[in-house]
C-alpha atoms as a PDB file:
ATOM      1  CA  MET A   1      54.125 149.137   7.040  1.00  0.00           C
ATOM      2  CA  GLU A   2      54.746 149.917  10.675  1.00  0.00           C
ATOM      3  CA  PHE A   3      52.789 148.334  13.490  1.00  0.00           C
ATOM      4  CA  SER A   4      52.264 149.754  16.932  1.00  0.00           C
ATOM      5  CA  ILE A   5      50.636 148.290  20.007  1.00  0.00           C
ATOM      6  CA  THR A   6      47.746 150.692  19.475  1.00  0.00           C
ATOM      7  CA  GLN A   7      47.190 149.362  15.954  1.00  0.00           C
ATOM      8  CA  ILE A   8      47.434 145.751  17.085  1.00  0.00           C
ATOM      9  CA  ARG A   9      44.870 146.311  19.845  1.00  0.00           C
ATOM     10  CA  LYS A  10      42.575 148.538  17.761  1.00  0.00           C
ATOM     11  CA  ALA A  11      39.002 147.327  18.127  1.00  0.00           C
ATOM     12  CA  ASP A  12      35.618 148.912  17.845  1.00  0.00           C
ATOM     13  CA  ASN A  13      32.402 147.739  19.484  1.00  0.00           C
ATOM     14  CA  ASN A  14      31.590 145.203  16.770  1.00  0.00           C
ATOM     15  CA  LEU A  15      29.032 142.822  18.272  1.00  0.00           C
ATOM     16  CA  VAL A  16      29.666 139.925  15.876  1.00  0.00           C
ATOM     17  CA  ALA A  17      33.444 140.089  16.366  1.00  0.00           C
ATOM     18  CA  GLY A  18      32.960 140.114  20.138  1.00  0.00           C
ATOM     19  CA  ILE A  19      30.669 137.093  20.071  1.00  0.00           C
ATOM     20  CA  VAL A  20      32.988 135.170  17.733  1.00  0.00           C
ATOM     21  CA  ARG A  21      36.021 136.044  19.914  1.00  0.00           C
ATOM     22  CA  ILE A  22      34.249 134.807  23.042  1.00  0.00           C
ATOM     23  CA  PHE A  23      33.171 131.636  21.238  1.00  0.00           C
ATOM     24  CA  LEU A  24      36.770 130.986  20.156  1.00  0.00           C
ATOM     25  CA  GLY A  25      37.948 131.619  23.703  1.00  0.00           C
ATOM     26  CA  ILE A  26      35.505 129.078  25.101  1.00  0.00           C
ATOM     27  CA  VAL A  27      36.475 126.527  22.437  1.00  0.00           C
ATOM     28  CA  PHE A  28      40.195 126.871  23.129  1.00  0.00           C
ATOM     29  CA  LEU A  29      39.825 126.899  26.888  1.00  0.00           C
ATOM     30  CA  ALA A  30      37.648 123.780  26.746  1.00  0.00           C
ATOM     31  CA  THR A  31      39.808 121.971  24.189  1.00  0.00           C
ATOM     32  CA  GLY A  32      42.988 122.436  26.189  1.00  0.00           C
ATOM     33  CA  PHE A  33      41.269 121.442  29.429  1.00  0.00           C
ATOM     34  CA  MET A  34      39.691 118.334  27.895  1.00  0.00           C
ATOM     35  CA  LYS A  35      43.047 117.142  26.548  1.00  0.00           C
ATOM     36  CA  ILE A  36      44.585 117.116  30.012  1.00  0.00           C
ATOM     37  CA  SER A  37      41.550 116.008  32.016  1.00  0.00           C
ATOM     38  CA  ASP A  38      40.079 113.187  29.922  1.00  0.00           C
ATOM     39  CA  LEU A  39      42.296 110.129  29.459  1.00  0.00           C
ATOM     40  CA  THR A  40      40.519 109.050  26.258  1.00  0.00           C
ATOM     41  CA  LEU A  41      41.059 112.463  24.672  1.00  0.00           C
ATOM     42  CA  TRP A  42      44.663 112.603  25.938  1.00  0.00           C
ATOM     43  CA  GLU A  43      45.393 109.244  24.302  1.00  0.00           C
ATOM     44  CA  ALA A  44      43.696 110.281  21.041  1.00  0.00           C
ATOM     45  CA  TRP A  45      45.658 113.574  21.059  1.00  0.00           C
ATOM     46  CA  SER A  46      48.912 111.696  21.664  1.00  0.00           C
ATOM     47  CA  ALA A  47      48.205 109.198  18.888  1.00  0.00           C
ATOM     48  CA  GLN A  48      47.263 111.979  16.454  1.00  0.00           C
ATOM     49  CA  LEU A  49      50.600 113.691  17.050  1.00  0.00           C
ATOM     50  CA  SER A  50      52.510 110.437  16.725  1.00  0.00           C
ATOM     51  CA  GLN A  51      50.773 109.281  13.533  1.00  0.00           C
ATOM     52  CA  ALA A  52      51.167 112.725  11.926  1.00  0.00           C
ATOM     53  CA  TYR A  53      54.896 112.754  12.795  1.00  0.00           C
ATOM     54  CA  ILE A  54      54.579 116.147  14.465  1.00  0.00           C
ATOM     55  CA  PRO A  55      58.072 117.402  15.398  1.00  0.00           C
ATOM     56  CA  PHE A  56      59.033 117.671  19.059  1.00  0.00           C
ATOM     57  CA  TYR A  57      56.325 115.154  19.915  1.00  0.00           C
ATOM     58  CA  GLU A  58      56.758 115.112  23.694  1.00  0.00           C
ATOM     59  CA  LEU A  59      57.101 118.893  24.021  1.00  0.00           C
ATOM     60  CA  THR A  60      54.093 119.465  21.754  1.00  0.00           C
ATOM     61  CA  ARG A  61      52.002 116.889  23.593  1.00  0.00           C
ATOM     62  CA  GLN A  62      52.736 118.434  26.986  1.00  0.00           C
ATOM     63  CA  VAL A  63      52.691 122.154  26.133  1.00  0.00           C
ATOM     64  CA  VAL A  64      49.957 122.686  23.534  1.00  0.00           C
ATOM     65  CA  PRO A  65      46.992 121.988  25.860  1.00  0.00           C
ATOM     66  CA  PHE A  66      48.245 124.680  28.254  1.00  0.00           C
ATOM     67  CA  VAL A  67      48.871 127.090  25.360  1.00  0.00           C
ATOM     68  CA  GLU A  68      45.308 126.423  24.211  1.00  0.00           C
ATOM     69  CA  MET A  69      43.922 127.196  27.669  1.00  0.00           C
ATOM     70  CA  LEU A  70      45.965 130.399  27.979  1.00  0.00           C
ATOM     71  CA  THR A  71      44.935 131.423  24.468  1.00  0.00           C
ATOM     72  CA  GLY A  72      41.294 130.744  25.312  1.00  0.00           C
ATOM     73  CA  ALA A  73      41.492 132.845  28.470  1.00  0.00           C
ATOM     74  CA  MET A  74      43.120 135.763  26.643  1.00  0.00           C
ATOM     75  CA  LEU A  75      40.507 135.598  23.898  1.00  0.00           C
ATOM     76  CA  LEU A  76      37.712 135.580  26.475  1.00  0.00           C
ATOM     77  CA  VAL A  77      38.907 138.858  27.965  1.00  0.00           C
ATOM     78  CA  GLY A  78      40.003 140.244  24.605  1.00  0.00           C
ATOM     79  CA  PHE A  79      43.543 141.216  25.584  1.00  0.00           C
ATOM     80  CA  PHE A  80      45.947 141.551  22.627  1.00  0.00           C
ATOM     81  CA  THR A  81      43.430 139.515  20.671  1.00  0.00           C
ATOM     82  CA  ARG A  82      45.218 139.674  17.329  1.00  0.00           C
ATOM     83  CA  ILE A  83      48.419 138.234  18.811  1.00  0.00           C
ATOM     84  CA  TRP A  84      46.512 135.310  20.352  1.00  0.00           C
ATOM     85  CA  LEU A  85      44.669 134.763  17.077  1.00  0.00           C
ATOM     86  CA  LEU A  86      48.019 134.164  15.376  1.00  0.00           C
ATOM     87  CA  ILE A  87      48.480 131.261  17.806  1.00  0.00           C
ATOM     88  CA  VAL A  88      44.967 130.035  17.008  1.00  0.00           C
ATOM     89  CA  ILE A  89      45.775 130.138  13.296  1.00  0.00           C
ATOM     90  CA  ALA A  90      49.050 128.241  13.755  1.00  0.00           C
ATOM     91  CA  ILE A  91      47.356 125.562  15.849  1.00  0.00           C
ATOM     92  CA  MET A  92      44.489 125.207  13.362  1.00  0.00           C
ATOM     93  CA  ILE A  93      46.858 124.884  10.397  1.00  0.00           C
ATOM     94  CA  ALA A  94      48.633 122.084  12.266  1.00  0.00           C
ATOM     95  CA  ALA A  95      45.265 120.546  13.219  1.00  0.00           C
ATOM     96  CA  SER A  96      44.140 120.617   9.566  1.00  0.00           C
ATOM     97  CA  TYR A  97      47.340 118.828   8.587  1.00  0.00           C
ATOM     98  CA  VAL A  98      46.752 116.201  11.295  1.00  0.00           C
ATOM     99  CA  HIS A  99      43.185 115.633  10.088  1.00  0.00           C
ATOM    100  CA  ILE A 100      44.428 115.133   6.545  1.00  0.00           C
ATOM    101  CA  VAL A 101      47.319 112.739   7.246  1.00  0.00           C
ATOM    102  CA  VAL A 102      45.967 110.620  10.119  1.00  0.00           C
ATOM    103  CA  ASP A 103      43.965 107.710   8.691  1.00  0.00           C
ATOM    104  CA  ASP A 104      42.266 106.456  11.856  1.00  0.00           C
ATOM    105  CA  PRO A 105      38.877 108.156  12.365  1.00  0.00           C
ATOM    106  CA  ASN A 106      38.763 106.715  15.901  1.00  0.00           C
ATOM    107  CA  LEU A 107      41.452 109.223  16.869  1.00  0.00           C
ATOM    108  CA  PHE A 108      38.928 112.048  16.411  1.00  0.00           C
ATOM    109  CA  PRO A 109      36.327 111.153  19.053  1.00  0.00           C
ATOM    110  CA  LEU A 110      34.596 114.553  19.272  1.00  0.00           C
ATOM    111  CA  GLN A 111      34.715 115.759  15.682  1.00  0.00           C
ATOM    112  CA  PRO A 112      34.654 114.539  12.090  1.00  0.00           C
ATOM    113  CA  HIS A 113      37.791 112.953  10.677  1.00  0.00           C
ATOM    114  CA  GLU A 114      37.782 115.573   7.898  1.00  0.00           C
ATOM    115  CA  PRO A 115      39.291 118.972   8.855  1.00  0.00           C
ATOM    116  CA  VAL A 116      35.871 120.662   9.082  1.00  0.00           C
ATOM    117  CA  VAL A 117      36.328 122.021  12.596  1.00  0.00           C
ATOM    118  CA  PRO A 118      39.879 123.391  12.122  1.00  0.00           C
ATOM    119  CA  LEU A 119      38.888 125.088   8.866  1.00  0.00           C
ATOM    120  CA  ALA A 120      35.789 126.638  10.465  1.00  0.00           C
ATOM    121  CA  ILE A 121      37.903 127.894  13.388  1.00  0.00           C
ATOM    122  CA  LEU A 122      40.415 129.326  10.882  1.00  0.00           C
ATOM    123  CA  ALA A 123      37.631 131.245   9.148  1.00  0.00           C
ATOM    124  CA  LEU A 124      36.293 132.621  12.435  1.00  0.00           C
ATOM    125  CA  ALA A 125      39.791 133.571  13.601  1.00  0.00           C
ATOM    126  CA  GLY A 126      40.394 135.362  10.304  1.00  0.00           C
ATOM    127  CA  TYR A 127      37.209 137.374  10.773  1.00  0.00           C
ATOM    128  CA  VAL A 128      38.206 138.561  14.246  1.00  0.00           C
ATOM    129  CA  LEU A 129      41.787 139.177  13.097  1.00  0.00           C
ATOM    130  CA  ILE A 130      40.442 141.612  10.498  1.00  0.00           C
ATOM    131  CA  LYS A 131      37.673 143.198  12.586  1.00  0.00           C
ATOM    132  CA  GLY A 132      39.407 143.325  15.969  1.00  0.00           C
ATOM    133  CA  ALA A 133      38.301 142.015  19.344  1.00  0.00           C
ATOM    134  CA  GLY A 134      34.875 143.641  19.280  1.00  0.00           C
ATOM    135  CA  VAL A 135      32.560 144.343  22.197  1.00  0.00           C
ATOM    136  CA  TRP A 136      33.311 143.308  25.769  1.00  0.00           C
ATOM    137  CA  SER A 137      37.073 143.258  25.177  1.00  0.00           C
ATOM    138  CA  LEU A 138      39.973 144.902  26.935  1.00  0.00           C
ATOM    139  CA  ASP A 139      41.294 145.801  23.482  1.00  0.00           C
ATOM    140  CA  SER A 140      38.221 147.964  22.782  1.00  0.00           C
ATOM    141  CA  LYS A 141      38.993 149.954  25.933  1.00  0.00           C
ATOM    142  CA  ALA A 142      42.675 150.573  24.995  1.00  0.00           C
ATOM    143  CA  LYS A 143      43.572 154.027  23.749  1.00  0.00           C
END
């Protein structure tokens, strides 16, 4: 199977896909911003990575919040949405792993200790990955 930029960006004016994409964009923009702006969340994030033995701890701790914010911004405008969704999926797989292996529920101050949120985000990302960026996206305007 051969992929082209046109195929990757292919999107119709699907309302649900557009709303879900925008929701994911807001979530990722906010999540990344909160990790770097709130000391309590920064410390919880750092401890999660440490307790889960995530490789390249320092690099991951410093870079992922900015990747999340960039991903959120690109999802909001719907530019190369499917590529950014692959990043969402990778982050949510890692987040699910962290939720499963970290035993301290106090390290998850804004969500349940169980991987409910990452799995829900994975499902939503999968929907948009299949359907395309939807309405109000730069992808839907690409020819």
